[in-house]
Amino acid sequence: MPATAKKAHNQQLEIGRARFESVMAAAERSGLLRDKSGRIGVRVSPKLVAEAKRLTGIEADTELIEFALASIALEDDFLRVFDEIEGTVDPDLKLGY
């Protein structure tokens, strides 16, 4: 792997690791990780798992699935809220420009 590609890959892994830690900390604070008595079994494409692991830097299947589920559970619902408030901002509001 060329040096520039390796540097970009390492930066991507650092970002992935930071995102993983941020999401999992938020999930912990939200109480989503307290009871780990559930168990799931799925059939998924090995290519999908490999690519997700490559992009996130996560190596363990359990951590990968936990991260994916926590990411979904913690979504901020921005797009739905944005659609609901569209056109509700006062047109006379001064935005500073």
PDB file of N, CA and C in Angstrom:
ATOM      1  N   MET A   1       0.859  -1.180   0.000  1.00  0.00           N
ATOM      2  CA  MET A   1       0.000   0.000   0.000  1.00  0.00           C
ATOM      3  C   MET A   1       0.902   1.239   0.000  1.00  0.00           C
ATOM      4  N   PRO A   2       0.682   2.170  -0.941  1.00  0.00           N
ATOM      5  CA  PRO A   2       1.482   3.396  -0.965  1.00  0.00           C
ATOM      6  C   PRO A   2       1.322   4.188   0.334  1.00  0.00           C
ATOM      7  N   ALA A   3       2.332   4.981   0.651  1.00  0.00           N
ATOM      8  CA  ALA A   3       2.338   5.725   1.914  1.00  0.00           C
ATOM      9  C   ALA A   3       1.129   6.637   2.067  1.00  0.00           C
ATOM     10  N   THR A   4       0.726   7.316   0.989  1.00  0.00           N
ATOM     11  CA  THR A   4      -0.428   8.224   1.099  1.00  0.00           C
ATOM     12  C   THR A   4      -1.716   7.452   1.325  1.00  0.00           C
ATOM     13  N   ALA A   5      -1.847   6.308   0.679  1.00  0.00           N
ATOM     14  CA  ALA A   5      -3.043   5.481   0.871  1.00  0.00           C
ATOM     15  C   ALA A   5      -3.072   4.918   2.290  1.00  0.00           C
ATOM     16  N   LYS A   6      -1.900   4.521   2.787  1.00  0.00           N
ATOM     17  CA  LYS A   6      -1.829   3.978   4.141  1.00  0.00           C
ATOM     18  C   LYS A   6      -2.179   5.060   5.170  1.00  0.00           C
ATOM     19  N   LYS A   7      -1.693   6.287   4.950  1.00  0.00           N
ATOM     20  CA  LYS A   7      -2.002   7.391   5.858  1.00  0.00           C
ATOM     21  C   LYS A   7      -3.498   7.684   5.858  1.00  0.00           C
ATOM     22  N   ALA A   8      -4.105   7.708   4.668  1.00  0.00           N
ATOM     23  CA  ALA A   8      -5.548   7.954   4.563  1.00  0.00           C
ATOM     24  C   ALA A   8      -6.330   6.847   5.261  1.00  0.00           C
ATOM     25  N   HIS A   9      -5.883   5.607   5.079  1.00  0.00           N
ATOM     26  CA  HIS A   9      -6.560   4.470   5.716  1.00  0.00           C
ATOM     27  C   HIS A   9      -6.457   4.582   7.238  1.00  0.00           C
ATOM     28  N   ASN A  10      -5.272   4.936   7.747  1.00  0.00           N
ATOM     29  CA  ASN A  10      -5.091   5.075   9.191  1.00  0.00           C
ATOM     30  C   ASN A  10      -5.944   6.209   9.755  1.00  0.00           C
ATOM     31  N   GLN A  11      -6.058   7.309   9.012  1.00  0.00           N
ATOM     32  CA  GLN A  11      -6.913   8.413   9.450  1.00  0.00           C
ATOM     33  C   GLN A  11      -8.370   7.965   9.492  1.00  0.00           C
ATOM     34  N   GLN A  12      -8.778   7.194   8.494  1.00  0.00           N
ATOM     35  CA  GLN A  12     -10.149   6.683   8.460  1.00  0.00           C
ATOM     36  C   GLN A  12     -10.402   5.781   9.662  1.00  0.00           C
ATOM     37  N   LEU A  13      -9.428   4.958  10.019  1.00  0.00           N
ATOM     38  CA  LEU A  13      -9.580   4.082  11.183  1.00  0.00           C
ATOM     39  C   LEU A  13      -9.682   4.902  12.470  1.00  0.00           C
ATOM     40  N   GLU A  14      -8.897   5.972  12.572  1.00  0.00           N
ATOM     41  CA  GLU A  14      -8.960   6.833  13.752  1.00  0.00           C
ATOM     42  C   GLU A  14     -10.332   7.486  13.876  1.00  0.00           C
ATOM     43  N   ILE A  15     -10.854   7.964  12.758  1.00  0.00           N
ATOM     44  CA  ILE A  15     -12.184   8.571  12.757  1.00  0.00           C
ATOM     45  C   ILE A  15     -13.231   7.528  13.119  1.00  0.00           C
ATOM     46  N   GLY A  16     -13.101   6.333  12.545  1.00  0.00           N
ATOM     47  CA  GLY A  16     -14.023   5.246  12.852  1.00  0.00           C
ATOM     48  C   GLY A  16     -13.990   4.875  14.320  1.00  0.00           C
ATOM     49  N   ARG A  17     -12.786   4.836  14.894  1.00  0.00           N
ATOM     50  CA  ARG A  17     -12.638   4.490  16.300  1.00  0.00           C
ATOM     51  C   ARG A  17     -13.265   5.569  17.183  1.00  0.00           C
ATOM     52  N   ALA A  18     -13.024   6.834  16.826  1.00  0.00           N
ATOM     53  CA  ALA A  18     -13.596   7.939  17.595  1.00  0.00           C
ATOM     54  C   ALA A  18     -15.120   7.904  17.523  1.00  0.00           C
ATOM     55  N   ARG A  19     -15.646   7.628  16.339  1.00  0.00           N
ATOM     56  CA  ARG A  19     -17.101   7.546  16.185  1.00  0.00           C
ATOM     57  C   ARG A  19     -17.657   6.386  16.999  1.00  0.00           C
ATOM     58  N   PHE A  20     -16.980   5.237  16.933  1.00  0.00           N
ATOM     59  CA  PHE A  20     -17.398   4.067  17.707  1.00  0.00           C
ATOM     60  C   PHE A  20     -17.462   4.416  19.189  1.00  0.00           C
ATOM     61  N   GLU A  21     -16.396   5.017  19.701  1.00  0.00           N
ATOM     62  CA  GLU A  21     -16.345   5.348  21.123  1.00  0.00           C
ATOM     63  C   GLU A  21     -17.414   6.363  21.506  1.00  0.00           C
ATOM     64  N   SER A  22     -17.670   7.328  20.632  1.00  0.00           N
ATOM     65  CA  SER A  22     -18.694   8.337  20.898  1.00  0.00           C
ATOM     66  C   SER A  22     -20.090   7.720  20.936  1.00  0.00           C
ATOM     67  N   VAL A  23     -20.394   6.899  19.942  1.00  0.00           N
ATOM     68  CA  VAL A  23     -21.712   6.257  19.877  1.00  0.00           C
ATOM     69  C   VAL A  23     -21.915   5.328  21.062  1.00  0.00           C
ATOM     70  N   MET A  24     -20.904   4.541  21.384  1.00  0.00           N
ATOM     71  CA  MET A  24     -21.058   3.585  22.468  1.00  0.00           C
ATOM     72  C   MET A  24     -21.152   4.288  23.828  1.00  0.00           C
ATOM     73  N   ALA A  25     -20.451   5.401  23.996  1.00  0.00           N
ATOM     74  CA  ALA A  25     -20.566   6.172  25.242  1.00  0.00           C
ATOM     75  C   ALA A  25     -21.972   6.753  25.373  1.00  0.00           C
ATOM     76  N   ALA A  26     -22.510   7.263  24.268  1.00  0.00           N
ATOM     77  CA  ALA A  26     -23.875   7.800  24.295  1.00  0.00           C
ATOM     78  C   ALA A  26     -24.883   6.697  24.574  1.00  0.00           C
ATOM     79  N   ALA A  27     -24.674   5.526  24.001  1.00  0.00           N
ATOM     80  CA  ALA A  27     -25.575   4.395  24.245  1.00  0.00           C
ATOM     81  C   ALA A  27     -25.513   3.974  25.707  1.00  0.00           C
ATOM     82  N   GLU A  28     -24.331   3.998  26.272  1.00  0.00           N
ATOM     83  CA  GLU A  28     -24.167   3.655  27.690  1.00  0.00           C
ATOM     84  C   GLU A  28     -24.903   4.666  28.568  1.00  0.00           C
ATOM     85  N   ARG A  29     -24.705   5.958  28.285  1.00  0.00           N
ATOM     86  CA  ARG A  29     -25.383   7.008  29.063  1.00  0.00           C
ATOM     87  C   ARG A  29     -26.904   6.903  28.946  1.00  0.00           C
ATOM     88  N   SER A  30     -27.369   6.457  27.783  1.00  0.00           N
ATOM     89  CA  SER A  30     -28.812   6.343  27.545  1.00  0.00           C
ATOM     90  C   SER A  30     -29.408   5.078  28.141  1.00  0.00           C
ATOM     91  N   GLY A  31     -28.570   4.239  28.712  1.00  0.00           N
ATOM     92  CA  GLY A  31     -29.053   3.006  29.319  1.00  0.00           C
ATOM     93  C   GLY A  31     -29.301   1.886  28.326  1.00  0.00           C
ATOM     94  N   LEU A  32     -28.848   2.048  27.098  1.00  0.00           N
ATOM     95  CA  LEU A  32     -29.107   1.040  26.070  1.00  0.00           C
ATOM     96  C   LEU A  32     -28.221  -0.193  26.189  1.00  0.00           C
ATOM     97  N   LEU A  33     -27.188  -0.134  26.988  1.00  0.00           N
ATOM     98  CA  LEU A  33     -26.236  -1.251  27.060  1.00  0.00           C
ATOM     99  C   LEU A  33     -26.259  -1.974  28.395  1.00  0.00           C
ATOM    100  N   ARG A  34     -27.194  -1.644  29.260  1.00  0.00           N
ATOM    101  CA  ARG A  34     -27.191  -2.205  30.621  1.00  0.00           C
ATOM    102  C   ARG A  34     -27.467  -3.698  30.655  1.00  0.00           C
ATOM    103  N   ASP A  35     -28.500  -4.138  30.030  1.00  0.00           N
ATOM    104  CA  ASP A  35     -28.897  -5.551  30.101  1.00  0.00           C
ATOM    105  C   ASP A  35     -28.483  -6.237  28.806  1.00  0.00           C
ATOM    106  N   LYS A  36     -27.488  -7.077  28.887  1.00  0.00           N
ATOM    107  CA  LYS A  36     -27.007  -7.768  27.689  1.00  0.00           C
ATOM    108  C   LYS A  36     -27.420  -9.241  27.723  1.00  0.00           C
ATOM    109  N   SER A  37     -28.704  -9.468  27.924  1.00  0.00           N
ATOM    110  CA  SER A  37     -29.189 -10.846  27.973  1.00  0.00           C
ATOM    111  C   SER A  37     -29.779 -11.298  26.641  1.00  0.00           C
ATOM    112  N   GLY A  38     -29.946 -10.367  25.700  1.00  0.00           N
ATOM    113  CA  GLY A  38     -30.516 -10.722  24.397  1.00  0.00           C
ATOM    114  C   GLY A  38     -29.490 -11.396  23.512  1.00  0.00           C
ATOM    115  N   ARG A  39     -29.985 -12.213  22.617  1.00  0.00           N
ATOM    116  CA  ARG A  39     -29.110 -12.905  21.673  1.00  0.00           C
ATOM    117  C   ARG A  39     -29.809 -12.940  20.325  1.00  0.00           C
ATOM    118  N   ILE A  40     -29.078 -12.631  19.265  1.00  0.00           N
ATOM    119  CA  ILE A  40     -29.642 -12.698  17.929  1.00  0.00           C
ATOM    120  C   ILE A  40     -28.720 -13.521  17.043  1.00  0.00           C
ATOM    121  N   GLY A  41     -29.293 -14.108  16.042  1.00  0.00           N
ATOM    122  CA  GLY A  41     -28.530 -14.844  15.044  1.00  0.00           C
ATOM    123  C   GLY A  41     -29.037 -14.443  13.677  1.00  0.00           C
ATOM    124  N   VAL A  42     -28.122 -14.110  12.799  1.00  0.00           N
ATOM    125  CA  VAL A  42     -28.518 -13.657  11.473  1.00  0.00           C
ATOM    126  C   VAL A  42     -27.597 -14.252  10.418  1.00  0.00           C
ATOM    127  N   ARG A  43     -28.087 -14.265   9.207  1.00  0.00           N
ATOM    128  CA  ARG A  43     -27.254 -14.609   8.062  1.00  0.00           C
ATOM    129  C   ARG A  43     -27.035 -13.321   7.288  1.00  0.00           C
ATOM    130  N   VAL A  44     -25.782 -12.975   7.101  1.00  0.00           N
ATOM    131  CA  VAL A  44     -25.437 -11.766   6.373  1.00  0.00           C
ATOM    132  C   VAL A  44     -24.304 -12.073   5.401  1.00  0.00           C
ATOM    133  N   SER A  45     -24.194 -11.208   4.436  1.00  0.00           N
ATOM    134  CA  SER A  45     -23.122 -11.332   3.456  1.00  0.00           C
ATOM    135  C   SER A  45     -21.769 -11.131   4.131  1.00  0.00           C
ATOM    136  N   PRO A  46     -20.841 -12.047   3.941  1.00  0.00           N
ATOM    137  CA  PRO A  46     -19.504 -11.857   4.496  1.00  0.00           C
ATOM    138  C   PRO A  46     -18.829 -10.596   3.943  1.00  0.00           C
ATOM    139  N   LYS A  47     -19.151 -10.233   2.707  1.00  0.00           N
ATOM    140  CA  LYS A  47     -18.592  -9.014   2.126  1.00  0.00           C
ATOM    141  C   LYS A  47     -19.096  -7.784   2.866  1.00  0.00           C
ATOM    142  N   LEU A  48     -20.374  -7.791   3.246  1.00  0.00           N
ATOM    143  CA  LEU A  48     -20.949  -6.685   3.998  1.00  0.00           C
ATOM    144  C   LEU A  48     -20.241  -6.531   5.345  1.00  0.00           C
ATOM    145  N   VAL A  49     -20.061  -7.631   6.038  1.00  0.00           N
ATOM    146  CA  VAL A  49     -19.394  -7.606   7.343  1.00  0.00           C
ATOM    147  C   VAL A  49     -17.950  -7.136   7.194  1.00  0.00           C
ATOM    148  N   ALA A  50     -17.254  -7.668   6.218  1.00  0.00           N
ATOM    149  CA  ALA A  50     -15.854  -7.298   6.004  1.00  0.00           C
ATOM    150  C   ALA A  50     -15.716  -5.811   5.693  1.00  0.00           C
ATOM    151  N   GLU A  51     -16.594  -5.286   4.849  1.00  0.00           N
ATOM    152  CA  GLU A  51     -16.527  -3.864   4.496  1.00  0.00           C
ATOM    153  C   GLU A  51     -16.858  -2.990   5.702  1.00  0.00           C
ATOM    154  N   ALA A  52     -17.866  -3.373   6.468  1.00  0.00           N
ATOM    155  CA  ALA A  52     -18.217  -2.614   7.670  1.00  0.00           C
ATOM    156  C   ALA A  52     -17.061  -2.621   8.666  1.00  0.00           C
ATOM    157  N   LYS A  53     -16.412  -3.754   8.819  1.00  0.00           N
ATOM    158  CA  LYS A  53     -15.263  -3.834   9.717  1.00  0.00           C
ATOM    159  C   LYS A  53     -14.112  -2.986   9.189  1.00  0.00           C
ATOM    160  N   ARG A  54     -13.891  -3.022   7.898  1.00  0.00           N
ATOM    161  CA  ARG A  54     -12.808  -2.244   7.310  1.00  0.00           C
ATOM    162  C   ARG A  54     -13.039  -0.749   7.522  1.00  0.00           C
ATOM    163  N   LEU A  55     -14.271  -0.309   7.302  1.00  0.00           N
ATOM    164  CA  LEU A  55     -14.584   1.113   7.414  1.00  0.00           C
ATOM    165  C   LEU A  55     -14.591   1.620   8.855  1.00  0.00           C
ATOM    166  N   THR A  56     -14.952   0.772   9.783  1.00  0.00           N
ATOM    167  CA  THR A  56     -15.051   1.198  11.177  1.00  0.00           C
ATOM    168  C   THR A  56     -13.807   0.867  11.992  1.00  0.00           C
ATOM    169  N   GLY A  57     -13.046  -0.112  11.547  1.00  0.00           N
ATOM    170  CA  GLY A  57     -11.914  -0.574  12.336  1.00  0.00           C
ATOM    171  C   GLY A  57     -12.322  -1.536  13.433  1.00  0.00           C
ATOM    172  N   ILE A  58     -13.585  -1.887  13.474  1.00  0.00           N
ATOM    173  CA  ILE A  58     -14.092  -2.828  14.474  1.00  0.00           C
ATOM    174  C   ILE A  58     -13.769  -4.242  13.996  1.00  0.00           C
ATOM    175  N   GLU A  59     -13.202  -5.059  14.874  1.00  0.00           N
ATOM    176  CA  GLU A  59     -12.800  -6.406  14.487  1.00  0.00           C
ATOM    177  C   GLU A  59     -13.781  -7.487  14.933  1.00  0.00           C
ATOM    178  N   ALA A  60     -14.447  -7.282  16.048  1.00  0.00           N
ATOM    179  CA  ALA A  60     -15.337  -8.314  16.601  1.00  0.00           C
ATOM    180  C   ALA A  60     -16.764  -8.151  16.062  1.00  0.00           C
ATOM    181  N   ASP A  61     -17.366  -9.271  15.682  1.00  0.00           N
ATOM    182  CA  ASP A  61     -18.736  -9.253  15.163  1.00  0.00           C
ATOM    183  C   ASP A  61     -19.706  -8.643  16.168  1.00  0.00           C
ATOM    184  N   THR A  62     -19.574  -9.013  17.433  1.00  0.00           N
ATOM    185  CA  THR A  62     -20.489  -8.508  18.460  1.00  0.00           C
ATOM    186  C   THR A  62     -20.394  -6.995  18.580  1.00  0.00           C
ATOM    187  N   GLU A  63     -19.163  -6.466  18.618  1.00  0.00           N
ATOM    188  CA  GLU A  63     -19.000  -5.011  18.704  1.00  0.00           C
ATOM    189  C   GLU A  63     -19.568  -4.316  17.474  1.00  0.00           C
ATOM    190  N   LEU A  64     -19.373  -4.922  16.310  1.00  0.00           N
ATOM    191  CA  LEU A  64     -19.869  -4.331  15.069  1.00  0.00           C
ATOM    192  C   LEU A  64     -21.392  -4.230  15.090  1.00  0.00           C
ATOM    193  N   ILE A  65     -22.054  -5.304  15.481  1.00  0.00           N
ATOM    194  CA  ILE A  65     -23.524  -5.308  15.516  1.00  0.00           C
ATOM    195  C   ILE A  65     -24.030  -4.374  16.602  1.00  0.00           C
ATOM    196  N   GLU A  66     -23.380  -4.377  17.750  1.00  0.00           N
ATOM    197  CA  GLU A  66     -23.788  -3.483  18.838  1.00  0.00           C
ATOM    198  C   GLU A  66     -23.646  -2.022  18.405  1.00  0.00           C
ATOM    199  N   PHE A  67     -22.549  -1.698  17.721  1.00  0.00           N
ATOM    200  CA  PHE A  67     -22.341  -0.345  17.222  1.00  0.00           C
ATOM    201  C   PHE A  67     -23.410   0.027  16.198  1.00  0.00           C
ATOM    202  N   ALA A  68     -23.705  -0.868  15.274  1.00  0.00           N
ATOM    203  CA  ALA A  68     -24.714  -0.586  14.243  1.00  0.00           C
ATOM    204  C   ALA A  68     -26.082  -0.340  14.879  1.00  0.00           C
ATOM    205  N   LEU A  69     -26.463  -1.175  15.821  1.00  0.00           N
ATOM    206  CA  LEU A  69     -27.759  -1.009  16.484  1.00  0.00           C
ATOM    207  C   LEU A  69     -27.801   0.263  17.319  1.00  0.00           C
ATOM    208  N   ALA A  70     -26.715   0.563  18.024  1.00  0.00           N
ATOM    209  CA  ALA A  70     -26.666   1.788  18.829  1.00  0.00           C
ATOM    210  C   ALA A  70     -26.740   3.020  17.931  1.00  0.00           C
ATOM    211  N   SER A  71     -26.081   2.973  16.775  1.00  0.00           N
ATOM    212  CA  SER A  71     -26.127   4.103  15.844  1.00  0.00           C
ATOM    213  C   SER A  71     -27.555   4.388  15.408  1.00  0.00           C
ATOM    214  N   ILE A  72     -28.299   3.352  15.133  1.00  0.00           N
ATOM    215  CA  ILE A  72     -29.697   3.508  14.718  1.00  0.00           C
ATOM    216  C   ILE A  72     -30.543   4.003  15.894  1.00  0.00           C
ATOM    217  N   ALA A  73     -30.355   3.409  17.052  1.00  0.00           N
ATOM    218  CA  ALA A  73     -31.164   3.754  18.226  1.00  0.00           C
ATOM    219  C   ALA A  73     -30.938   5.195  18.675  1.00  0.00           C
ATOM    220  N   LEU A  74     -29.761   5.742  18.392  1.00  0.00           N
ATOM    221  CA  LEU A  74     -29.427   7.083  18.859  1.00  0.00           C
ATOM    222  C   LEU A  74     -29.606   8.161  17.798  1.00  0.00           C
ATOM    223  N   GLU A  75     -30.125   7.810  16.638  1.00  0.00           N
ATOM    224  CA  GLU A  75     -30.310   8.810  15.590  1.00  0.00           C
ATOM    225  C   GLU A  75     -31.122   9.974  16.133  1.00  0.00           C
ATOM    226  N   ASP A  76     -30.769  11.183  15.696  1.00  0.00           N
ATOM    227  CA  ASP A  76     -31.416  12.376  16.244  1.00  0.00           C
ATOM    228  C   ASP A  76     -32.707  12.765  15.522  1.00  0.00           C
ATOM    229  N   ASP A  77     -33.070  12.061  14.493  1.00  0.00           N
ATOM    230  CA  ASP A  77     -34.330  12.304  13.789  1.00  0.00           C
ATOM    231  C   ASP A  77     -34.361  13.693  13.144  1.00  0.00           C
ATOM    232  N   PHE A  78     -33.183  14.217  12.773  1.00  0.00           N
ATOM    233  CA  PHE A  78     -33.067  15.574  12.235  1.00  0.00           C
ATOM    234  C   PHE A  78     -33.925  15.786  10.997  1.00  0.00           C
ATOM    235  N   LEU A  79     -33.861  14.878  10.040  1.00  0.00           N
ATOM    236  CA  LEU A  79     -34.577  15.088   8.780  1.00  0.00           C
ATOM    237  C   LEU A  79     -36.089  15.183   8.976  1.00  0.00           C
ATOM    238  N   ARG A  80     -36.636  14.331   9.834  1.00  0.00           N
ATOM    239  CA  ARG A  80     -38.077  14.376  10.082  1.00  0.00           C
ATOM    240  C   ARG A  80     -38.464  15.702  10.725  1.00  0.00           C
ATOM    241  N   VAL A  81     -37.706  16.112  11.719  1.00  0.00           N
ATOM    242  CA  VAL A  81     -38.005  17.368  12.408  1.00  0.00           C
ATOM    243  C   VAL A  81     -37.837  18.545  11.448  1.00  0.00           C
ATOM    244  N   PHE A  82     -36.787  18.520  10.636  1.00  0.00           N
ATOM    245  CA  PHE A  82     -36.549  19.589   9.670  1.00  0.00           C
ATOM    246  C   PHE A  82     -37.725  19.702   8.702  1.00  0.00           C
ATOM    247  N   ASP A  83     -38.219  18.558   8.212  1.00  0.00           N
ATOM    248  CA  ASP A  83     -39.373  18.573   7.311  1.00  0.00           C
ATOM    249  C   ASP A  83     -40.611  19.147   7.999  1.00  0.00           C
ATOM    250  N   GLU A  84     -40.793  18.812   9.270  1.00  0.00           N
ATOM    251  CA  GLU A  84     -41.961  19.300  10.006  1.00  0.00           C
ATOM    252  C   GLU A  84     -41.933  20.811  10.212  1.00  0.00           C
ATOM    253  N   ILE A  85     -40.763  21.396  10.374  1.00  0.00           N
ATOM    254  CA  ILE A  85     -40.698  22.834  10.654  1.00  0.00           C
ATOM    255  C   ILE A  85     -40.444  23.669   9.405  1.00  0.00           C
ATOM    256  N   GLU A  86     -40.353  23.040   8.260  1.00  0.00           N
ATOM    257  CA  GLU A  86     -40.077  23.772   7.021  1.00  0.00           C
ATOM    258  C   GLU A  86     -41.098  24.886   6.837  1.00  0.00           C
ATOM    259  N   GLY A  87     -40.581  26.083   6.601  1.00  0.00           N
ATOM    260  CA  GLY A  87     -41.451  27.231   6.373  1.00  0.00           C
ATOM    261  C   GLY A  87     -41.996  27.860   7.633  1.00  0.00           C
ATOM    262  N   THR A  88     -41.565  27.417   8.811  1.00  0.00           N
ATOM    263  CA  THR A  88     -42.119  27.963  10.046  1.00  0.00           C
ATOM    264  C   THR A  88     -41.231  29.036  10.666  1.00  0.00           C
ATOM    265  N   VAL A  89     -40.064  29.302  10.087  1.00  0.00           N
ATOM    266  CA  VAL A  89     -39.190  30.345  10.612  1.00  0.00           C
ATOM    267  C   VAL A  89     -39.739  31.706  10.163  1.00  0.00           C
ATOM    268  N   ASP A  90     -39.786  32.613  11.108  1.00  0.00           N
ATOM    269  CA  ASP A  90     -40.268  33.964  10.839  1.00  0.00           C
ATOM    270  C   ASP A  90     -39.441  34.599   9.711  1.00  0.00           C
ATOM    271  N   PRO A  91     -40.075  35.011   8.622  1.00  0.00           N
ATOM    272  CA  PRO A  91     -39.325  35.605   7.492  1.00  0.00           C
ATOM    273  C   PRO A  91     -38.646  36.910   7.861  1.00  0.00           C
ATOM    274  N   ASP A  92     -39.036  37.562   8.938  1.00  0.00           N
ATOM    275  CA  ASP A  92     -38.403  38.804   9.368  1.00  0.00           C
ATOM    276  C   ASP A  92     -37.225  38.565  10.330  1.00  0.00           C
ATOM    277  N   LEU A  93     -36.919  37.329  10.613  1.00  0.00           N
ATOM    278  CA  LEU A  93     -35.825  36.987  11.512  1.00  0.00           C
ATOM    279  C   LEU A  93     -34.507  37.463  10.907  1.00  0.00           C
ATOM    280  N   LYS A  94     -33.726  38.213  11.683  1.00  0.00           N
ATOM    281  CA  LYS A  94     -32.429  38.726  11.233  1.00  0.00           C
ATOM    282  C   LYS A  94     -31.379  37.648  11.502  1.00  0.00           C
ATOM    283  N   LEU A  95     -30.727  37.178  10.443  1.00  0.00           N
ATOM    284  CA  LEU A  95     -29.740  36.105  10.550  1.00  0.00           C
ATOM    285  C   LEU A  95     -28.311  36.620  10.566  1.00  0.00           C
ATOM    286  N   GLY A  96     -28.108  37.914  10.552  1.00  0.00           N
ATOM    287  CA  GLY A  96     -26.778  38.458  10.677  1.00  0.00           C
ATOM    288  C   GLY A  96     -26.064  38.703   9.375  1.00  0.00           C
ATOM    289  N   TYR A  97     -26.776  38.632   8.278  1.00  0.00           N
ATOM    290  CA  TYR A  97     -26.141  38.973   6.995  1.00  0.00           C
ATOM    291  C   TYR A  97     -27.112  39.694   6.117  1.00  0.00           C
TER     292      TYR A  97
END
